[in-house]
C-alpha atoms as a PDB file:
ATOM      1  CA  UNK A   1       0.000   0.000   0.000  1.00  0.00           C
ATOM      2  CA  UNK A   2       2.839   2.407   0.815  1.00  0.00           C
ATOM      3  CA  UNK A   3       4.380   1.840  -2.616  1.00  0.00           C
ATOM      4  CA  UNK A   4       1.079   2.755  -4.269  1.00  0.00           C
ATOM      5  CA  UNK A   5       0.832   5.967  -2.242  1.00  0.00           C
ATOM      6  CA  UNK A   6       4.373   6.988  -3.153  1.00  0.00           C
ATOM      7  CA  UNK A   7       3.823   6.188  -6.843  1.00  0.00           C
ATOM      8  CA  UNK A   8       0.566   8.162  -6.763  1.00  0.00           C
ATOM      9  CA  UNK A   9       2.349  11.147  -5.203  1.00  0.00           C
ATOM     10  CA  UNK A  10       5.146  11.002  -7.779  1.00  0.00           C
ATOM     11  CA  UNK A  11       2.652  10.755 -10.655  1.00  0.00           C
ATOM     12  CA  UNK A  12       0.618  13.705  -9.385  1.00  0.00           C
ATOM     13  CA  UNK A  13       3.753  15.816  -9.077  1.00  0.00           C
ATOM     14  CA  UNK A  14       4.826  14.965 -12.615  1.00  0.00           C
ATOM     15  CA  UNK A  15       1.342  15.917 -13.811  1.00  0.00           C
ATOM     16  CA  UNK A  16       1.448  19.170 -11.816  1.00  0.00           C
ATOM     17  CA  UNK A  17       4.854  20.043 -13.252  1.00  0.00           C
ATOM     18  CA  UNK A  18       3.745  19.265 -16.813  1.00  0.00           C
ATOM     19  CA  UNK A  19       0.509  21.244 -16.475  1.00  0.00           C
ATOM     20  CA  UNK A  20       2.380  24.311 -15.262  1.00  0.00           C
ATOM     21  CA  UNK A  21       4.845  23.968 -18.150  1.00  0.00           C
ATOM     22  CA  UNK A  22       2.037  23.527 -20.684  1.00  0.00           C
ATOM     23  CA  UNK A  23       0.170  26.542 -19.312  1.00  0.00           C
ATOM     24  CA  UNK A  24       3.325  28.665 -19.511  1.00  0.00           C
ATOM     25  CA  UNK A  25       3.855  27.661 -23.140  1.00  0.00           C
ATOM     26  CA  UNK A  26       0.224  28.431 -23.971  1.00  0.00           C
ATOM     27  CA  UNK A  27       0.581  31.825 -22.289  1.00  0.00           C
ATOM     28  CA  UNK A  28       3.639  32.633 -24.412  1.00  0.00           C
ATOM     29  CA  UNK A  29       1.727  31.754 -27.588  1.00  0.00           C
ATOM     30  CA  UNK A  30      -1.451  33.576 -26.563  1.00  0.00           C
ATOM     31  CA  UNK A  31      -3.453  30.353 -26.696  1.00  0.00           C
ATOM     32  CA  UNK A  32      -6.363  29.173 -24.582  1.00  0.00           C
ATOM     33  CA  UNK A  33      -5.005  28.461 -21.100  1.00  0.00           C
ATOM     34  CA  UNK A  34      -5.320  25.690 -18.543  1.00  0.00           C
ATOM     35  CA  UNK A  35      -7.739  26.881 -15.878  1.00  0.00           C
ATOM     36  CA  UNK A  36      -6.478  27.880 -12.467  1.00  0.00           C
ATOM     37  CA  UNK A  37      -9.077  25.502 -11.036  1.00  0.00           C
ATOM     38  CA  UNK A  38      -7.364  22.599 -12.817  1.00  0.00           C
ATOM     39  CA  UNK A  39      -3.937  23.666 -11.565  1.00  0.00           C
ATOM     40  CA  UNK A  40      -5.249  23.887  -7.993  1.00  0.00           C
ATOM     41  CA  UNK A  41      -7.089  20.571  -8.238  1.00  0.00           C
ATOM     42  CA  UNK A  42      -3.961  18.695  -9.276  1.00  0.00           C
ATOM     43  CA  UNK A  43      -1.985  20.433  -6.548  1.00  0.00           C
ATOM     44  CA  UNK A  44      -4.517  19.632  -3.841  1.00  0.00           C
ATOM     45  CA  UNK A  45      -4.676  16.013  -4.967  1.00  0.00           C
ATOM     46  CA  UNK A  46      -0.937  15.603  -4.412  1.00  0.00           C
ATOM     47  CA  UNK A  47       0.875  17.534  -7.123  1.00  0.00           C
ATOM     48  CA  UNK A  48       1.793  20.657  -5.182  1.00  0.00           C
ATOM     49  CA  UNK A  49       5.540  19.973  -5.058  1.00  0.00           C
ATOM     50  CA  UNK A  50       5.787  19.480  -8.804  1.00  0.00           C
ATOM     51  CA  UNK A  51       3.666  22.564  -9.400  1.00  0.00           C
ATOM     52  CA  UNK A  52       5.805  24.619  -7.019  1.00  0.00           C
ATOM     53  CA  UNK A  53       9.030  23.470  -8.695  1.00  0.00           C
ATOM     54  CA  UNK A  54       7.565  24.399 -12.103  1.00  0.00           C
ATOM     55  CA  UNK A  55       6.445  27.769 -10.720  1.00  0.00           C
ATOM     56  CA  UNK A  56      10.051  28.494  -9.753  1.00  0.00           C
ATOM     57  CA  UNK A  57      11.709  26.954 -12.826  1.00  0.00           C
ATOM     58  CA  UNK A  58       9.471  28.536 -15.475  1.00  0.00           C
ATOM     59  CA  UNK A  59       8.542  31.681 -13.484  1.00  0.00           C
ATOM     60  CA  UNK A  60       4.918  30.884 -14.152  1.00  0.00           C
ATOM     61  CA  UNK A  61       2.214  32.227 -11.816  1.00  0.00           C
ATOM     62  CA  UNK A  62       5.055  33.497  -9.637  1.00  0.00           C
ATOM     63  CA  UNK A  63       3.479  36.948  -9.240  1.00  0.00           C
ATOM     64  CA  UNK A  64       0.370  35.376  -7.695  1.00  0.00           C
ATOM     65  CA  UNK A  65       0.891  35.115  -3.934  1.00  0.00           C
ATOM     66  CA  UNK A  66      -1.872  32.520  -3.683  1.00  0.00           C
ATOM     67  CA  UNK A  67       0.049  30.183  -5.972  1.00  0.00           C
ATOM     68  CA  UNK A  68       3.473  30.836  -4.414  1.00  0.00           C
ATOM     69  CA  UNK A  69       2.301  30.433  -0.848  1.00  0.00           C
ATOM     70  CA  UNK A  70      -0.415  27.865  -1.509  1.00  0.00           C
ATOM     71  CA  UNK A  71       1.752  25.467  -3.517  1.00  0.00           C
ATOM     72  CA  UNK A  72       4.531  25.813  -0.952  1.00  0.00           C
ATOM     73  CA  UNK A  73       2.248  25.093   2.023  1.00  0.00           C
ATOM     74  CA  UNK A  74       0.542  22.207   0.231  1.00  0.00           C
ATOM     75  CA  UNK A  75       3.991  20.773  -0.555  1.00  0.00           C
ATOM     76  CA  UNK A  76       4.910  20.823   3.120  1.00  0.00           C
ATOM     77  CA  UNK A  77       1.621  19.147   4.044  1.00  0.00           C
ATOM     78  CA  UNK A  78       1.988  16.471   1.356  1.00  0.00           C
ATOM     79  CA  UNK A  79       5.624  15.790   2.239  1.00  0.00           C
ATOM     80  CA  UNK A  80       4.666  15.474   5.907  1.00  0.00           C
ATOM     81  CA  UNK A  81       1.941  12.977   5.044  1.00  0.00           C
ATOM     82  CA  UNK A  82       4.275  10.954   2.819  1.00  0.00           C
ATOM     83  CA  UNK A  83       6.931  11.010   5.559  1.00  0.00           C
ATOM     84  CA  UNK A  84       4.392   9.772   8.089  1.00  0.00           C
ATOM     85  CA  UNK A  85       3.127   7.011   5.784  1.00  0.00           C
ATOM     86  CA  UNK A  86       6.641   5.813   4.986  1.00  0.00           C
ATOM     87  CA  UNK A  87       7.630   5.761   8.650  1.00  0.00           C
ATOM     88  CA  UNK A  88       4.709   3.523   9.621  1.00  0.00           C
END
C-alpha cells in the first residue's frame, strides 16, 4: 500500500509540473489556457511539489501570492503525510 501511495504522489507531481509547463507555453503563444481551477485541483490532490518546482523553474504564476504560498504550504503538508506514511 505504501508503494502505491508513493507512486501516486510522484505521478501527481509529474502531472502538476507538466501542467504548469504547458500553461506557460500556452501563455507565451497567446493560446487558450489551462484553468487555475485545474492547476489547484492537481496540486490539492498531491501535485503541489511538482507545481511549485515548475512555478520556480518557469517563473509561471510566480506573481500570484496565492500560488506561491499555496503550492509551498501544500507541498509541506503532502511531504509530511508521505513522511508519516513511509515511517509507519
